[in-house]
N, C-alpha and C. Protein backbone atom coordinates (compact mmCIF):
# COMPACT_ATOMS: atom_id res chain seq x y z
N MET A 1 3.50 -31.08 0.40
CA MET A 1 3.59 -30.66 -1.00
C MET A 1 2.70 -29.44 -1.22
N LYS A 2 3.12 -28.62 -2.17
CA LYS A 2 2.32 -27.45 -2.53
C LYS A 2 2.18 -27.41 -4.05
N LEU A 3 0.93 -27.29 -4.50
CA LEU A 3 0.66 -27.17 -5.94
C LEU A 3 0.37 -25.73 -6.27
N TYR A 4 1.14 -25.20 -7.20
CA TYR A 4 0.90 -23.86 -7.73
C TYR A 4 0.00 -24.01 -8.94
N PHE A 5 -1.12 -23.27 -8.92
CA PHE A 5 -2.14 -23.45 -9.95
C PHE A 5 -2.68 -22.10 -10.42
N ALA A 6 -3.37 -22.13 -11.54
CA ALA A 6 -4.14 -20.99 -12.02
C ALA A 6 -5.51 -21.52 -12.39
N ARG A 7 -6.52 -20.73 -12.17
CA ARG A 7 -7.89 -21.15 -12.46
C ARG A 7 -8.07 -21.37 -13.96
N ASN A 8 -8.78 -22.46 -14.31
CA ASN A 8 -9.08 -22.83 -15.70
C ASN A 8 -7.82 -23.18 -16.50
N ALA A 9 -6.76 -23.55 -15.82
CA ALA A 9 -5.50 -23.89 -16.49
C ALA A 9 -5.26 -25.39 -16.40
N CYS A 10 -4.18 -25.84 -17.05
CA CYS A 10 -3.86 -27.27 -17.07
C CYS A 10 -3.45 -27.79 -15.70
N SER A 11 -3.19 -26.89 -14.75
CA SER A 11 -2.86 -27.31 -13.38
C SER A 11 -4.02 -28.02 -12.69
N LEU A 12 -5.22 -27.93 -13.26
CA LEU A 12 -6.35 -28.67 -12.71
C LEU A 12 -6.06 -30.17 -12.74
N SER A 13 -5.32 -30.63 -13.74
CA SER A 13 -5.03 -32.05 -13.90
C SER A 13 -4.28 -32.63 -12.68
N PRO A 14 -3.11 -32.09 -12.28
CA PRO A 14 -2.46 -32.62 -11.08
C PRO A 14 -3.26 -32.37 -9.81
N HIS A 15 -4.05 -31.30 -9.80
CA HIS A 15 -4.91 -31.04 -8.65
C HIS A 15 -5.91 -32.20 -8.47
N ILE A 16 -6.52 -32.61 -9.56
CA ILE A 16 -7.45 -33.75 -9.52
C ILE A 16 -6.72 -35.01 -9.05
N VAL A 17 -5.53 -35.25 -9.60
CA VAL A 17 -4.78 -36.46 -9.27
C VAL A 17 -4.38 -36.47 -7.79
N LEU A 18 -4.01 -35.33 -7.24
CA LEU A 18 -3.70 -35.24 -5.81
C LEU A 18 -4.91 -35.64 -4.97
N ARG A 19 -6.08 -35.16 -5.37
CA ARG A 19 -7.30 -35.49 -4.62
C ARG A 19 -7.71 -36.95 -4.82
N GLU A 20 -7.55 -37.45 -6.03
CA GLU A 20 -7.86 -38.86 -6.28
C GLU A 20 -6.94 -39.78 -5.45
N ALA A 21 -5.70 -39.36 -5.28
CA ALA A 21 -4.73 -40.15 -4.52
C ALA A 21 -4.93 -40.02 -3.01
N GLY A 22 -5.66 -38.99 -2.61
CA GLY A 22 -5.89 -38.77 -1.18
C GLY A 22 -4.67 -38.31 -0.43
N LEU A 23 -3.77 -37.61 -1.12
CA LEU A 23 -2.54 -37.13 -0.49
C LEU A 23 -2.73 -35.73 0.09
N PRO A 24 -2.04 -35.41 1.19
CA PRO A 24 -2.12 -34.05 1.74
C PRO A 24 -1.33 -33.07 0.88
N PHE A 25 -1.88 -31.89 0.66
CA PHE A 25 -1.19 -30.87 -0.13
C PHE A 25 -1.77 -29.51 0.16
N GLU A 26 -0.99 -28.50 -0.19
CA GLU A 26 -1.46 -27.11 -0.12
C GLU A 26 -1.66 -26.61 -1.55
N LEU A 27 -2.49 -25.59 -1.67
CA LEU A 27 -2.71 -24.93 -2.96
C LEU A 27 -2.25 -23.49 -2.88
N GLU A 28 -1.60 -23.01 -3.92
CA GLU A 28 -1.31 -21.58 -4.01
C GLU A 28 -1.59 -21.11 -5.42
N ARG A 29 -2.47 -20.13 -5.51
CA ARG A 29 -2.88 -19.62 -6.81
C ARG A 29 -1.82 -18.69 -7.39
N VAL A 30 -1.68 -18.75 -8.71
CA VAL A 30 -0.73 -17.89 -9.43
C VAL A 30 -1.52 -17.01 -10.39
N ASP A 31 -1.20 -15.73 -10.39
CA ASP A 31 -1.78 -14.81 -11.37
C ASP A 31 -0.93 -14.91 -12.63
N THR A 32 -1.52 -15.43 -13.71
CA THR A 32 -0.74 -15.69 -14.92
C THR A 32 -0.36 -14.41 -15.66
N LYS A 33 -0.97 -13.28 -15.30
CA LYS A 33 -0.61 -12.01 -15.96
C LYS A 33 0.55 -11.34 -15.24
N THR A 34 0.49 -11.32 -13.90
CA THR A 34 1.55 -10.65 -13.13
C THR A 34 2.68 -11.61 -12.72
N HIS A 35 2.41 -12.91 -12.83
CA HIS A 35 3.36 -13.95 -12.41
C HIS A 35 3.71 -13.81 -10.93
N LYS A 36 2.71 -13.43 -10.15
CA LYS A 36 2.84 -13.37 -8.70
C LYS A 36 1.93 -14.43 -8.09
N THR A 37 2.40 -15.04 -7.02
CA THR A 37 1.54 -15.98 -6.31
C THR A 37 0.62 -15.20 -5.39
N ARG A 38 -0.38 -15.90 -4.85
CA ARG A 38 -1.33 -15.22 -3.98
C ARG A 38 -0.64 -14.60 -2.77
N SER A 39 0.45 -15.23 -2.31
CA SER A 39 1.18 -14.70 -1.16
C SER A 39 2.19 -13.61 -1.55
N GLY A 40 2.22 -13.26 -2.85
CA GLY A 40 3.06 -12.15 -3.30
C GLY A 40 4.45 -12.53 -3.79
N ILE A 41 4.71 -13.82 -3.91
CA ILE A 41 6.04 -14.27 -4.38
C ILE A 41 6.10 -14.19 -5.90
N ASP A 42 7.26 -13.84 -6.42
CA ASP A 42 7.51 -13.85 -7.86
C ASP A 42 7.53 -15.32 -8.31
N PHE A 43 6.57 -15.72 -9.13
CA PHE A 43 6.45 -17.12 -9.51
C PHE A 43 7.67 -17.61 -10.29
N TYR A 44 8.35 -16.71 -10.99
CA TYR A 44 9.57 -17.11 -11.71
C TYR A 44 10.64 -17.64 -10.76
N SER A 45 10.60 -17.23 -9.50
CA SER A 45 11.58 -17.74 -8.53
C SER A 45 11.26 -19.18 -8.13
N ILE A 46 10.03 -19.62 -8.40
CA ILE A 46 9.62 -21.00 -8.11
C ILE A 46 9.76 -21.85 -9.36
N ASN A 47 9.22 -21.36 -10.47
CA ASN A 47 9.34 -22.04 -11.76
C ASN A 47 9.84 -21.04 -12.79
N PRO A 48 11.10 -21.10 -13.16
CA PRO A 48 11.66 -20.15 -14.12
C PRO A 48 10.95 -20.15 -15.47
N LYS A 49 10.21 -21.22 -15.78
CA LYS A 49 9.45 -21.26 -17.03
C LYS A 49 8.27 -20.29 -16.97
N GLY A 50 7.80 -19.99 -15.77
CA GLY A 50 6.76 -18.98 -15.61
C GLY A 50 5.33 -19.46 -15.74
N TYR A 51 5.13 -20.76 -15.95
CA TYR A 51 3.75 -21.22 -16.10
C TYR A 51 3.44 -22.36 -15.13
N VAL A 52 2.16 -22.56 -14.90
CA VAL A 52 1.70 -23.65 -14.04
C VAL A 52 1.48 -24.90 -14.88
N PRO A 53 1.48 -26.07 -14.22
CA PRO A 53 1.61 -26.30 -12.79
C PRO A 53 3.07 -26.41 -12.35
N ALA A 54 3.25 -26.21 -11.05
CA ALA A 54 4.52 -26.51 -10.40
C ALA A 54 4.17 -27.16 -9.07
N LEU A 55 4.86 -28.24 -8.76
CA LEU A 55 4.63 -28.94 -7.50
C LEU A 55 5.89 -28.83 -6.65
N GLN A 56 5.76 -28.14 -5.52
CA GLN A 56 6.89 -28.03 -4.60
C GLN A 56 6.83 -29.20 -3.63
N LEU A 57 7.90 -29.99 -3.61
CA LEU A 57 7.94 -31.17 -2.77
C LEU A 57 8.35 -30.79 -1.35
N ASP A 58 8.15 -31.71 -0.43
CA ASP A 58 8.43 -31.44 0.98
C ASP A 58 9.91 -31.14 1.24
N ASP A 59 10.80 -31.65 0.36
CA ASP A 59 12.23 -31.37 0.54
C ASP A 59 12.67 -30.10 -0.17
N GLY A 60 11.71 -29.35 -0.74
CA GLY A 60 12.02 -28.08 -1.39
C GLY A 60 12.19 -28.15 -2.89
N GLN A 61 12.39 -29.35 -3.43
CA GLN A 61 12.51 -29.47 -4.88
C GLN A 61 11.19 -29.08 -5.55
N VAL A 62 11.29 -28.61 -6.79
CA VAL A 62 10.10 -28.24 -7.56
C VAL A 62 10.06 -29.07 -8.83
N LEU A 63 8.93 -29.70 -9.04
CA LEU A 63 8.70 -30.50 -10.24
C LEU A 63 7.73 -29.75 -11.13
N THR A 64 8.06 -29.64 -12.42
CA THR A 64 7.19 -28.95 -13.37
C THR A 64 6.79 -29.90 -14.50
N GLU A 65 5.88 -29.44 -15.33
CA GLU A 65 5.31 -30.17 -16.46
C GLU A 65 4.26 -31.18 -15.97
N GLY A 66 3.02 -30.91 -16.34
CA GLY A 66 1.89 -31.70 -15.88
C GLY A 66 2.04 -33.20 -16.01
N PRO A 67 2.42 -33.74 -17.20
CA PRO A 67 2.53 -35.19 -17.34
C PRO A 67 3.54 -35.82 -16.38
N ALA A 68 4.65 -35.12 -16.08
CA ALA A 68 5.63 -35.63 -15.11
C ALA A 68 5.05 -35.57 -13.70
N ILE A 69 4.37 -34.47 -13.39
CA ILE A 69 3.82 -34.29 -12.04
C ILE A 69 2.77 -35.36 -11.73
N VAL A 70 1.86 -35.61 -12.67
CA VAL A 70 0.79 -36.57 -12.38
C VAL A 70 1.34 -37.99 -12.20
N GLN A 71 2.39 -38.34 -12.93
CA GLN A 71 3.00 -39.66 -12.75
C GLN A 71 3.72 -39.75 -11.40
N TYR A 72 4.36 -38.66 -11.01
CA TYR A 72 5.03 -38.63 -9.71
C TYR A 72 4.01 -38.85 -8.59
N ILE A 73 2.91 -38.11 -8.66
CA ILE A 73 1.85 -38.24 -7.64
C ILE A 73 1.31 -39.67 -7.62
N ALA A 74 1.01 -40.19 -8.80
CA ALA A 74 0.46 -41.56 -8.88
C ALA A 74 1.41 -42.58 -8.27
N ASP A 75 2.71 -42.40 -8.48
CA ASP A 75 3.68 -43.35 -7.96
C ASP A 75 3.87 -43.23 -6.44
N LEU A 76 3.47 -42.10 -5.87
CA LEU A 76 3.49 -41.97 -4.41
C LEU A 76 2.41 -42.83 -3.77
N LYS A 77 1.37 -43.12 -4.53
CA LYS A 77 0.22 -43.89 -4.00
C LYS A 77 -0.16 -44.95 -5.02
N PRO A 78 0.69 -45.97 -5.21
CA PRO A 78 0.43 -46.96 -6.26
C PRO A 78 -0.90 -47.68 -6.12
N GLU A 79 -1.37 -47.82 -4.88
CA GLU A 79 -2.65 -48.51 -4.68
C GLU A 79 -3.84 -47.74 -5.25
N SER A 80 -3.63 -46.45 -5.57
CA SER A 80 -4.71 -45.64 -6.18
C SER A 80 -4.96 -46.05 -7.63
N LYS A 81 -3.97 -46.74 -8.22
CA LYS A 81 -4.04 -47.18 -9.62
C LYS A 81 -4.21 -46.01 -10.60
N LEU A 82 -3.72 -44.84 -10.21
CA LEU A 82 -3.76 -43.67 -11.09
C LEU A 82 -2.73 -43.78 -12.22
N ALA A 83 -1.77 -44.68 -12.04
CA ALA A 83 -0.82 -45.01 -13.11
C ALA A 83 -0.49 -46.48 -12.99
N PRO A 84 -0.45 -47.20 -14.11
CA PRO A 84 -0.03 -48.60 -14.06
C PRO A 84 1.41 -48.71 -13.58
N PRO A 85 1.83 -49.88 -13.11
CA PRO A 85 3.20 -50.04 -12.60
C PRO A 85 4.26 -49.71 -13.66
N PRO A 86 5.37 -49.09 -13.23
CA PRO A 86 6.47 -48.81 -14.17
C PRO A 86 6.95 -50.08 -14.85
N GLY A 87 7.30 -49.94 -16.13
CA GLY A 87 7.84 -51.06 -16.88
C GLY A 87 6.80 -51.93 -17.57
N THR A 88 5.51 -51.71 -17.25
CA THR A 88 4.45 -52.49 -17.90
C THR A 88 4.02 -51.81 -19.19
N MET A 89 3.43 -52.57 -20.10
CA MET A 89 2.93 -51.98 -21.34
C MET A 89 1.84 -50.96 -21.06
N ASP A 90 1.02 -51.22 -20.03
CA ASP A 90 -0.02 -50.25 -19.68
C ASP A 90 0.57 -48.91 -19.25
N ARG A 91 1.75 -48.95 -18.61
CA ARG A 91 2.39 -47.69 -18.22
C ARG A 91 2.82 -46.92 -19.46
N TYR A 92 3.32 -47.63 -20.44
CA TYR A 92 3.71 -46.95 -21.68
C TYR A 92 2.48 -46.43 -22.42
N ARG A 93 1.35 -47.13 -22.30
CA ARG A 93 0.11 -46.63 -22.89
C ARG A 93 -0.31 -45.33 -22.20
N LEU A 94 -0.17 -45.29 -20.88
CA LEU A 94 -0.47 -44.06 -20.15
C LEU A 94 0.40 -42.92 -20.66
N GLN A 95 1.71 -43.18 -20.80
CA GLN A 95 2.62 -42.15 -21.28
C GLN A 95 2.30 -41.73 -22.71
N GLU A 96 1.89 -42.72 -23.51
CA GLU A 96 1.48 -42.44 -24.89
C GLU A 96 0.32 -41.43 -24.90
N TRP A 97 -0.66 -41.67 -24.03
CA TRP A 97 -1.82 -40.78 -23.97
C TRP A 97 -1.46 -39.42 -23.38
N LEU A 98 -0.64 -39.39 -22.34
CA LEU A 98 -0.23 -38.11 -21.77
C LEU A 98 0.49 -37.26 -22.82
N ASN A 99 1.32 -37.90 -23.63
CA ASN A 99 2.03 -37.17 -24.70
C ASN A 99 1.06 -36.69 -25.77
N PHE A 100 0.13 -37.54 -26.15
CA PHE A 100 -0.86 -37.15 -27.17
C PHE A 100 -1.70 -35.97 -26.70
N ILE A 101 -2.18 -36.04 -25.47
CA ILE A 101 -3.00 -34.96 -24.93
C ILE A 101 -2.19 -33.66 -24.89
N GLY A 102 -0.94 -33.77 -24.45
CA GLY A 102 -0.10 -32.57 -24.33
C GLY A 102 0.24 -31.93 -25.66
N THR A 103 0.58 -32.74 -26.64
CA THR A 103 1.06 -32.18 -27.91
C THR A 103 -0.04 -31.96 -28.94
N GLU A 104 -1.00 -32.86 -28.98
CA GLU A 104 -2.01 -32.81 -30.03
C GLU A 104 -3.31 -32.11 -29.62
N LEU A 105 -3.53 -31.96 -28.32
CA LEU A 105 -4.73 -31.26 -27.85
C LEU A 105 -4.37 -29.97 -27.10
N HIS A 106 -3.62 -30.12 -26.01
CA HIS A 106 -3.28 -28.96 -25.18
C HIS A 106 -2.66 -27.84 -26.02
N LYS A 107 -1.67 -28.17 -26.81
CA LYS A 107 -0.95 -27.13 -27.56
C LYS A 107 -1.77 -26.58 -28.73
N GLN A 108 -2.82 -27.27 -29.14
CA GLN A 108 -3.71 -26.72 -30.17
C GLN A 108 -4.69 -25.73 -29.55
N PHE A 109 -5.07 -25.98 -28.29
CA PHE A 109 -6.01 -25.08 -27.61
C PHE A 109 -5.35 -23.76 -27.21
N SER A 110 -4.11 -23.83 -26.77
CA SER A 110 -3.45 -22.65 -26.18
C SER A 110 -3.58 -21.38 -27.02
N PRO A 111 -3.30 -21.42 -28.35
CA PRO A 111 -3.40 -20.18 -29.13
C PRO A 111 -4.82 -19.62 -29.22
N LEU A 112 -5.83 -20.46 -29.02
CA LEU A 112 -7.21 -19.99 -29.11
C LEU A 112 -7.56 -18.98 -28.02
N PHE A 113 -6.74 -18.93 -26.97
CA PHE A 113 -6.99 -17.99 -25.88
C PHE A 113 -6.25 -16.66 -26.08
N SER A 114 -5.52 -16.55 -27.19
CA SER A 114 -4.79 -15.32 -27.49
C SER A 114 -5.72 -14.28 -28.12
N ALA A 115 -5.61 -13.05 -27.67
CA ALA A 115 -6.44 -11.96 -28.21
C ALA A 115 -5.96 -11.52 -29.59
N THR A 116 -4.75 -11.91 -29.98
CA THR A 116 -4.19 -11.43 -31.25
C THR A 116 -4.35 -12.40 -32.41
N ILE A 117 -4.85 -13.60 -32.13
CA ILE A 117 -4.96 -14.61 -33.19
C ILE A 117 -6.11 -14.26 -34.14
N SER A 118 -5.91 -14.50 -35.43
CA SER A 118 -6.92 -14.18 -36.44
C SER A 118 -8.05 -15.21 -36.42
N GLU A 119 -9.20 -14.82 -36.94
CA GLU A 119 -10.34 -15.74 -37.01
C GLU A 119 -10.02 -16.93 -37.92
N GLN A 120 -9.28 -16.67 -38.97
CA GLN A 120 -8.90 -17.76 -39.88
C GLN A 120 -8.03 -18.80 -39.17
N MET A 121 -7.07 -18.33 -38.38
CA MET A 121 -6.20 -19.24 -37.63
C MET A 121 -7.01 -19.99 -36.58
N LYS A 122 -7.94 -19.30 -35.93
CA LYS A 122 -8.80 -19.96 -34.94
C LYS A 122 -9.56 -21.11 -35.58
N GLN A 123 -10.09 -20.86 -36.77
CA GLN A 123 -10.87 -21.89 -37.45
C GLN A 123 -10.00 -23.09 -37.82
N GLN A 124 -8.78 -22.81 -38.26
CA GLN A 124 -7.86 -23.90 -38.61
C GLN A 124 -7.53 -24.75 -37.39
N LEU A 125 -7.30 -24.10 -36.27
CA LEU A 125 -6.99 -24.82 -35.04
C LEU A 125 -8.19 -25.65 -34.57
N LYS A 126 -9.38 -25.08 -34.68
CA LYS A 126 -10.59 -25.81 -34.27
C LYS A 126 -10.81 -27.04 -35.15
N GLU A 127 -10.49 -26.91 -36.43
CA GLU A 127 -10.62 -28.06 -37.33
C GLU A 127 -9.62 -29.16 -36.96
N LYS A 128 -8.43 -28.75 -36.58
CA LYS A 128 -7.41 -29.72 -36.17
C LYS A 128 -7.84 -30.41 -34.87
N ILE A 129 -8.36 -29.63 -33.93
CA ILE A 129 -8.85 -30.20 -32.67
C ILE A 129 -10.00 -31.17 -32.95
N ALA A 130 -10.89 -30.79 -33.87
CA ALA A 130 -12.02 -31.66 -34.21
C ALA A 130 -11.54 -33.01 -34.71
N GLY A 131 -10.50 -33.01 -35.52
CA GLY A 131 -9.93 -34.26 -36.01
C GLY A 131 -9.38 -35.11 -34.88
N ARG A 132 -8.75 -34.47 -33.91
CA ARG A 132 -8.21 -35.19 -32.74
C ARG A 132 -9.37 -35.72 -31.89
N PHE A 133 -10.44 -34.92 -31.77
CA PHE A 133 -11.60 -35.36 -31.01
C PHE A 133 -12.27 -36.57 -31.67
N ASP A 134 -12.24 -36.61 -33.00
CA ASP A 134 -12.77 -37.78 -33.72
C ASP A 134 -12.05 -39.04 -33.23
N TYR A 135 -10.73 -38.95 -33.16
CA TYR A 135 -9.91 -40.09 -32.73
C TYR A 135 -10.21 -40.48 -31.28
N VAL A 136 -10.23 -39.48 -30.39
CA VAL A 136 -10.44 -39.75 -28.96
C VAL A 136 -11.83 -40.32 -28.73
N SER A 137 -12.82 -39.75 -29.39
CA SER A 137 -14.21 -40.20 -29.22
C SER A 137 -14.36 -41.66 -29.64
N LYS A 138 -13.75 -42.01 -30.76
CA LYS A 138 -13.81 -43.39 -31.24
C LYS A 138 -13.13 -44.33 -30.25
N HIS A 139 -11.99 -43.90 -29.71
CA HIS A 139 -11.27 -44.71 -28.73
C HIS A 139 -12.12 -44.96 -27.48
N LEU A 140 -12.93 -43.98 -27.09
CA LEU A 140 -13.70 -44.09 -25.85
C LEU A 140 -14.97 -44.93 -26.00
N GLU A 141 -15.33 -45.26 -27.22
CA GLU A 141 -16.54 -46.07 -27.42
C GLU A 141 -16.38 -47.40 -26.69
N GLY A 142 -17.31 -47.70 -25.81
CA GLY A 142 -17.26 -48.95 -25.06
C GLY A 142 -16.30 -48.95 -23.89
N ARG A 143 -15.67 -47.80 -23.60
CA ARG A 143 -14.75 -47.70 -22.47
C ARG A 143 -15.26 -46.67 -21.47
N GLN A 144 -15.03 -46.94 -20.21
CA GLN A 144 -15.34 -45.96 -19.16
C GLN A 144 -14.30 -44.84 -19.15
N PHE A 145 -13.03 -45.26 -19.27
CA PHE A 145 -11.92 -44.31 -19.19
C PHE A 145 -10.90 -44.64 -20.28
N ILE A 146 -9.85 -43.85 -20.37
CA ILE A 146 -8.89 -44.00 -21.46
C ILE A 146 -8.28 -45.39 -21.51
N LEU A 147 -7.87 -45.91 -20.36
CA LEU A 147 -7.21 -47.21 -20.34
C LEU A 147 -8.18 -48.36 -20.02
N GLY A 148 -9.46 -48.09 -20.03
CA GLY A 148 -10.44 -49.16 -19.77
C GLY A 148 -11.40 -48.79 -18.66
N ASP A 149 -11.43 -49.60 -17.61
CA ASP A 149 -12.39 -49.38 -16.52
C ASP A 149 -11.80 -48.63 -15.33
N THR A 150 -10.52 -48.29 -15.39
CA THR A 150 -9.85 -47.63 -14.26
C THR A 150 -9.50 -46.19 -14.61
N PHE A 151 -9.90 -45.25 -13.75
CA PHE A 151 -9.55 -43.84 -13.90
C PHE A 151 -8.06 -43.68 -13.63
N THR A 152 -7.36 -43.02 -14.55
CA THR A 152 -5.92 -42.79 -14.39
C THR A 152 -5.59 -41.30 -14.54
N ALA A 153 -4.31 -41.01 -14.35
CA ALA A 153 -3.83 -39.63 -14.49
C ALA A 153 -4.11 -39.07 -15.88
N ALA A 154 -4.12 -39.93 -16.90
CA ALA A 154 -4.41 -39.46 -18.26
C ALA A 154 -5.84 -38.94 -18.37
N ASP A 155 -6.75 -39.53 -17.61
CA ASP A 155 -8.14 -39.06 -17.62
C ASP A 155 -8.25 -37.66 -17.01
N ALA A 156 -7.48 -37.42 -15.96
CA ALA A 156 -7.49 -36.08 -15.34
C ALA A 156 -7.03 -35.03 -16.35
N TYR A 157 -6.00 -35.38 -17.13
CA TYR A 157 -5.46 -34.43 -18.12
C TYR A 157 -6.42 -34.26 -19.29
N LEU A 158 -6.96 -35.36 -19.79
CA LEU A 158 -7.90 -35.25 -20.92
C LEU A 158 -9.13 -34.45 -20.51
N PHE A 159 -9.68 -34.72 -19.34
CA PHE A 159 -10.84 -33.98 -18.85
C PHE A 159 -10.53 -32.49 -18.80
N THR A 160 -9.38 -32.15 -18.25
CA THR A 160 -9.00 -30.74 -18.11
C THR A 160 -8.95 -30.04 -19.46
N VAL A 161 -8.27 -30.64 -20.41
CA VAL A 161 -8.08 -29.99 -21.72
C VAL A 161 -9.39 -29.94 -22.51
N VAL A 162 -10.12 -31.04 -22.55
CA VAL A 162 -11.37 -31.05 -23.32
C VAL A 162 -12.38 -30.09 -22.73
N SER A 163 -12.32 -29.87 -21.42
CA SER A 163 -13.25 -28.93 -20.76
C SER A 163 -13.08 -27.49 -21.25
N TRP A 164 -11.93 -27.20 -21.84
CA TRP A 164 -11.73 -25.85 -22.39
C TRP A 164 -12.61 -25.58 -23.61
N SER A 165 -13.21 -26.63 -24.16
CA SER A 165 -14.05 -26.47 -25.36
C SER A 165 -15.12 -25.41 -25.16
N LYS A 166 -15.68 -25.36 -23.95
CA LYS A 166 -16.77 -24.41 -23.69
C LYS A 166 -16.30 -22.95 -23.77
N PHE A 167 -15.01 -22.72 -23.56
CA PHE A 167 -14.49 -21.35 -23.61
C PHE A 167 -14.20 -20.89 -25.04
N VAL A 168 -14.09 -21.83 -25.97
CA VAL A 168 -13.72 -21.48 -27.35
C VAL A 168 -14.79 -21.90 -28.37
N GLU A 169 -15.98 -22.16 -27.86
CA GLU A 169 -17.15 -22.45 -28.70
C GLU A 169 -16.96 -23.69 -29.58
N ILE A 170 -16.51 -24.77 -28.95
CA ILE A 170 -16.48 -26.08 -29.61
C ILE A 170 -17.57 -26.91 -28.93
N ASP A 171 -18.56 -27.31 -29.69
CA ASP A 171 -19.71 -28.04 -29.17
C ASP A 171 -19.42 -29.54 -29.13
N LEU A 172 -19.35 -30.10 -27.94
CA LEU A 172 -18.99 -31.52 -27.79
C LEU A 172 -20.11 -32.47 -28.19
N SER A 173 -21.31 -31.96 -28.44
CA SER A 173 -22.41 -32.86 -28.82
C SER A 173 -22.12 -33.59 -30.14
N ARG A 174 -21.17 -33.08 -30.91
CA ARG A 174 -20.76 -33.73 -32.15
C ARG A 174 -20.06 -35.07 -31.88
N TRP A 175 -19.55 -35.24 -30.65
CA TRP A 175 -18.81 -36.45 -30.27
C TRP A 175 -19.50 -37.06 -29.03
N PRO A 176 -20.58 -37.82 -29.23
CA PRO A 176 -21.36 -38.31 -28.08
C PRO A 176 -20.57 -39.10 -27.05
N SER A 177 -19.66 -39.97 -27.48
CA SER A 177 -18.93 -40.76 -26.49
C SER A 177 -17.95 -39.89 -25.71
N LEU A 178 -17.39 -38.88 -26.35
CA LEU A 178 -16.48 -37.95 -25.66
C LEU A 178 -17.26 -37.09 -24.67
N LYS A 179 -18.42 -36.60 -25.10
CA LYS A 179 -19.25 -35.77 -24.20
C LYS A 179 -19.71 -36.58 -22.99
N ALA A 180 -20.14 -37.83 -23.23
CA ALA A 180 -20.57 -38.68 -22.12
C ALA A 180 -19.41 -38.94 -21.15
N TYR A 181 -18.22 -39.10 -21.70
CA TYR A 181 -17.02 -39.31 -20.88
C TYR A 181 -16.76 -38.09 -20.00
N ILE A 182 -16.80 -36.89 -20.60
CA ILE A 182 -16.55 -35.66 -19.85
C ILE A 182 -17.59 -35.50 -18.74
N ASP A 183 -18.85 -35.76 -19.06
CA ASP A 183 -19.92 -35.67 -18.05
C ASP A 183 -19.68 -36.68 -16.92
N ARG A 184 -19.22 -37.87 -17.28
CA ARG A 184 -18.97 -38.93 -16.30
C ARG A 184 -17.81 -38.54 -15.37
N VAL A 185 -16.73 -38.07 -15.95
CA VAL A 185 -15.57 -37.67 -15.14
C VAL A 185 -15.91 -36.48 -14.25
N ALA A 186 -16.72 -35.56 -14.76
CA ALA A 186 -17.10 -34.36 -14.00
C ALA A 186 -17.84 -34.70 -12.71
N MET A 187 -18.46 -35.87 -12.66
CA MET A 187 -19.23 -36.27 -11.48
C MET A 187 -18.37 -36.93 -10.40
N ARG A 188 -17.12 -37.20 -10.69
CA ARG A 188 -16.26 -37.83 -9.68
C ARG A 188 -16.04 -36.86 -8.51
N PRO A 189 -16.15 -37.34 -7.28
CA PRO A 189 -16.00 -36.44 -6.12
C PRO A 189 -14.70 -35.65 -6.12
N ALA A 190 -13.58 -36.28 -6.49
CA ALA A 190 -12.29 -35.58 -6.48
C ALA A 190 -12.27 -34.48 -7.53
N VAL A 191 -12.89 -34.72 -8.67
CA VAL A 191 -12.94 -33.72 -9.74
C VAL A 191 -13.79 -32.53 -9.29
N ARG A 192 -14.94 -32.83 -8.73
CA ARG A 192 -15.81 -31.74 -8.26
C ARG A 192 -15.14 -30.94 -7.16
N ALA A 193 -14.45 -31.63 -6.25
CA ALA A 193 -13.77 -30.94 -5.14
C ALA A 193 -12.65 -30.03 -5.66
N ALA A 194 -11.91 -30.50 -6.66
CA ALA A 194 -10.82 -29.70 -7.22
C ALA A 194 -11.37 -28.45 -7.89
N ILE A 195 -12.42 -28.60 -8.68
CA ILE A 195 -13.02 -27.46 -9.38
C ILE A 195 -13.56 -26.45 -8.37
N GLU A 196 -14.25 -26.93 -7.34
CA GLU A 196 -14.81 -26.03 -6.34
C GLU A 196 -13.72 -25.30 -5.56
N ALA A 197 -12.64 -26.01 -5.24
CA ALA A 197 -11.53 -25.38 -4.51
C ALA A 197 -10.88 -24.29 -5.33
N GLU A 198 -10.76 -24.49 -6.64
CA GLU A 198 -10.12 -23.48 -7.49
C GLU A 198 -11.04 -22.28 -7.72
N ARG A 199 -12.32 -22.48 -7.65
CA ARG A 199 -13.27 -21.37 -7.80
C ARG A 199 -13.32 -20.51 -6.54
N ALA A 200 -13.03 -21.12 -5.38
CA ALA A 200 -13.18 -20.43 -4.09
C ALA A 200 -12.21 -19.27 -3.96
């Protein structure tokens, strides 16, 4: 398998899940401005949507969209417990969280990285994110991870998105349980290895 990624992007989430699962994979960096891979390939020829992540499977198929990719990886290694078994209520809870993170957090952060967005719009988005962080922080009180005591694919995604706070001047100290969670996840060997590999 090959994961196409960009530094500081949502592709960190499947990268973490691949390492947590202990599966063999290759990495190829994508320049999000030129849409060229490190080896010089036009990324649109791999993923016509033009954005990361994209996971190229051993049979040549390409899977896109982070929440689908992380569930695929988790199901390749069910003993990793990165996703609860299909058909269980816990699996639907995982999907519930992946959808929430994608629509209510990820998509609120994305415009904050635009050079053309107004300060007023930035403030509105930050207020909306703060409201979502209120909810997430309360949910994490008394829990190690999103679904309880087991790290799952949803934790990789939440960690990735919430970590963008430092780039847009959102101070996590306002949400102690969320900050403690981010610090805890950051210490996981697979998370540290993924971050270091992407910086290299």
